[in-house]
């Protein structure tokens, strides 16, 4: 096998792009799974707008944006390493699971951050939510064909969600002015 060049990589990515877009048009767009992803991308934000603590909007949004950024980066890395995959997507060219990475996961943790009055409560609620995402939501998404585990486990996901919740909490507490 010859040593691959950047041109080889570009050509492979172009082929993958073309296949992905074709697959998306034929197997995703306007299917029930696509509609589910669209709803999942919009409804949680509407709920958050209605029920968030308006006195802490900036702080909670910063927390959520850090979550969304880290979730998206983690998801891209995991999908690129073929640890997991998404047979169906909302859009063919964005991070693997846009509705989860920038909506469902961050907003769920944003509500925990908003309502937890102590670190102990935050940790407990984060453990519970991490377990729900890692063991229940992922399992259901596998059952309906929207998520596939390759070299990954639900326990790794649970641990990953919880670690990310600790990282985001620590970052936002360090960034948020006291008083």
Protein backbone atom coordinates (compact mmCIF):
# COMPACT_ATOMS: atom_id res chain seq x y z
CA UNK A 1 0.00 0.00 0.00
CA UNK A 2 1.38 3.39 -0.97
CA UNK A 3 1.79 6.15 1.58
CA UNK A 4 -1.46 8.20 1.60
CA UNK A 5 -1.24 11.85 0.64
CA UNK A 6 -3.38 14.78 1.66
CA UNK A 7 -4.96 14.56 -1.81
CA UNK A 8 -5.97 10.94 -1.06
CA UNK A 9 -7.59 12.08 2.18
CA UNK A 10 -9.40 14.92 0.41
CA UNK A 11 -10.70 12.53 -2.26
CA UNK A 12 -11.90 10.06 0.38
CA UNK A 13 -13.65 12.86 2.27
CA UNK A 14 -15.33 14.05 -0.96
CA UNK A 15 -16.55 10.51 -1.62
CA UNK A 16 -17.82 10.21 1.95
CA UNK A 17 -19.54 13.60 1.67
CA UNK A 18 -21.29 12.59 -1.55
CA UNK A 19 -22.39 9.24 -0.11
CA UNK A 20 -23.58 10.87 3.12
CA UNK A 21 -25.66 13.50 1.31
CA UNK A 22 -27.17 10.89 -1.01
CA UNK A 23 -27.98 8.62 1.96
CA UNK A 24 -29.50 11.55 3.86
CA UNK A 25 -31.80 12.51 0.97
CA UNK A 26 -32.89 8.90 0.38
CA UNK A 27 -33.10 7.55 3.93
CA UNK A 28 -33.41 10.46 6.40
CA UNK A 29 -35.05 13.61 5.08
CA UNK A 30 -38.72 13.86 6.13
CA UNK A 31 -38.82 10.39 7.74
CA UNK A 32 -40.29 9.99 11.23
CA UNK A 33 -36.74 9.86 12.60
CA UNK A 34 -35.89 13.15 10.88
CA UNK A 35 -39.03 14.77 12.34
CA UNK A 36 -38.11 13.42 15.80
CA UNK A 37 -34.66 14.99 15.50
CA UNK A 38 -36.16 18.29 14.32
CA UNK A 39 -38.55 18.39 17.27
CA UNK A 40 -35.70 17.45 19.64
CA UNK A 41 -33.67 20.36 18.25
CA UNK A 42 -36.44 22.94 18.87
CA UNK A 43 -38.80 21.99 21.71
CA UNK A 44 -36.22 21.86 24.55
CA UNK A 45 -35.15 25.44 23.75
CA UNK A 46 -38.77 26.59 23.89
CA UNK A 47 -39.16 24.88 27.27
CA UNK A 48 -35.93 26.45 28.51
CA UNK A 49 -37.01 29.93 27.37
CA UNK A 50 -40.23 29.57 29.35
CA UNK A 51 -38.80 28.04 32.55
CA UNK A 52 -35.25 29.31 32.99
CA UNK A 53 -34.23 31.67 35.77
CA UNK A 54 -34.22 34.98 33.92
CA UNK A 55 -32.01 36.60 36.56
CA UNK A 56 -29.28 34.07 35.69
CA UNK A 57 -29.81 33.86 31.93
CA UNK A 58 -26.23 34.78 31.01
CA UNK A 59 -24.65 32.41 33.55
CA UNK A 60 -26.90 29.48 32.62
CA UNK A 61 -26.46 30.12 28.89
CA UNK A 62 -22.67 30.16 29.34
CA UNK A 63 -22.94 26.86 31.20
CA UNK A 64 -25.07 25.42 28.36
CA UNK A 65 -22.78 26.73 25.63
CA UNK A 66 -19.77 25.13 27.28
CA UNK A 67 -21.75 21.87 27.52
CA UNK A 68 -22.77 22.11 23.85
CA UNK A 69 -19.21 22.80 22.74
CA UNK A 70 -17.74 19.91 24.74
CA UNK A 71 -20.54 17.52 23.75
CA UNK A 72 -20.09 18.39 20.07
CA UNK A 73 -16.31 18.00 20.19
CA UNK A 74 -16.59 14.71 22.05
CA UNK A 75 -19.24 13.45 19.64
CA UNK A 76 -17.20 14.34 16.55
CA UNK A 77 -14.12 12.64 17.97
CA UNK A 78 -16.05 9.51 18.99
CA UNK A 79 -17.85 9.25 15.67
CA UNK A 80 -14.64 9.88 13.68
CA UNK A 81 -12.87 7.16 15.67
CA UNK A 82 -15.88 4.93 14.93
CA UNK A 83 -16.52 4.31 18.63
CA UNK A 84 -20.19 4.98 17.92
CA UNK A 85 -22.27 6.20 15.02
CA UNK A 86 -25.56 7.74 13.97
CA UNK A 87 -27.36 6.01 11.10
CA UNK A 88 -29.80 8.96 10.85
CA UNK A 89 -29.13 12.68 11.16
CA UNK A 90 -31.04 15.95 11.03
CA UNK A 91 -28.53 17.43 8.59
CA UNK A 92 -25.93 15.49 6.61
CA UNK A 93 -22.97 17.81 7.17
CA UNK A 94 -23.04 18.84 10.82
CA UNK A 95 -21.68 17.20 13.96
CA UNK A 96 -23.07 13.72 14.35
CA UNK A 97 -26.11 14.35 16.53
CA UNK A 98 -26.80 18.07 16.50
CA UNK A 99 -30.11 17.92 18.45
CA UNK A 100 -28.49 16.01 21.32
CA UNK A 101 -25.19 17.91 21.35
CA UNK A 102 -26.56 21.44 21.30
CA UNK A 103 -30.06 21.00 22.63
CA UNK A 104 -31.21 17.99 24.64
CA UNK A 105 -28.06 17.26 26.64
CA UNK A 106 -27.01 20.85 27.45
CA UNK A 107 -30.54 21.99 28.29
CA UNK A 108 -31.15 18.99 30.55
CA UNK A 109 -27.96 19.76 32.45
CA UNK A 110 -28.77 23.50 32.39
CA UNK A 111 -31.93 22.80 34.38
CA UNK A 112 -29.93 20.73 36.87
CA UNK A 113 -27.42 23.56 37.18
CA UNK A 114 -30.23 26.09 37.63
CA UNK A 115 -32.16 24.16 40.29
CA UNK A 116 -29.32 22.52 42.26
CA UNK A 117 -28.70 24.73 45.27
CA UNK A 118 -25.55 22.92 46.37
CA UNK A 119 -22.67 20.99 44.84
CA UNK A 120 -23.94 17.82 46.53
CA UNK A 121 -27.37 18.19 44.87
CA UNK A 122 -25.74 19.00 41.54
CA UNK A 123 -23.56 15.89 41.74
CA UNK A 124 -26.48 13.64 42.65
CA UNK A 125 -28.72 15.02 39.89
CA UNK A 126 -25.84 14.85 37.39
CA UNK A 127 -25.26 11.20 38.29
CA UNK A 128 -28.95 10.43 37.76
CA UNK A 129 -29.13 12.33 34.46
CA UNK A 130 -25.87 10.77 33.25
CA UNK A 131 -27.33 7.33 33.97
CA UNK A 132 -30.55 8.22 32.14
CA UNK A 133 -28.63 9.39 29.06
CA UNK A 134 -26.04 6.60 29.18
CA UNK A 135 -28.27 3.64 29.95
CA UNK A 136 -31.83 4.55 28.97
CA UNK A 137 -31.77 7.14 26.17
CA UNK A 138 -28.85 5.51 24.35
CA UNK A 139 -30.51 2.08 24.70
CA UNK A 140 -33.78 3.43 23.26
CA UNK A 141 -31.96 5.16 20.41
CA UNK A 142 -30.21 1.90 19.57
CA UNK A 143 -33.58 0.10 19.57
CA UNK A 144 -35.07 2.59 17.08
CA UNK A 145 -31.97 2.51 14.88
CA UNK A 146 -30.72 6.04 15.54
CA UNK A 147 -27.55 5.17 17.46
CA UNK A 148 -24.98 2.40 17.13
CA UNK A 149 -22.24 1.42 19.53
CA UNK A 150 -19.09 0.02 17.93
CA UNK A 151 -16.16 0.12 20.34
CA UNK A 152 -18.00 1.80 23.19
CA UNK A 153 -20.34 0.89 26.04
CA UNK A 154 -23.21 2.51 27.89
CA UNK A 155 -21.03 2.60 30.99
CA UNK A 156 -18.39 4.62 29.14
CA UNK A 157 -21.12 7.05 28.10
CA UNK A 158 -22.44 7.30 31.66
CA UNK A 159 -18.93 8.06 32.94
CA UNK A 160 -18.35 10.53 30.09
CA UNK A 161 -21.58 12.44 30.77
CA UNK A 162 -20.77 12.64 34.46
CA UNK A 163 -17.17 13.77 33.89
CA UNK A 164 -18.33 16.42 31.42
CA UNK A 165 -20.88 17.64 33.97
CA UNK A 166 -18.06 18.05 36.52
CA UNK A 167 -15.82 19.83 34.00
CA UNK A 168 -18.56 22.24 32.92
CA UNK A 169 -19.62 22.95 36.52
CA UNK A 170 -16.02 23.63 37.54
CA UNK A 171 -15.39 25.88 34.54
CA UNK A 172 -18.55 27.93 35.00
CA UNK A 173 -17.91 28.36 38.74
CA UNK A 174 -14.39 29.61 38.00
CA UNK A 175 -15.66 31.97 35.28
CA UNK A 176 -18.68 33.33 37.16
CA UNK A 177 -18.01 36.47 39.23
CA UNK A 178 -18.72 36.04 42.96
CA UNK A 179 -21.48 38.06 44.55
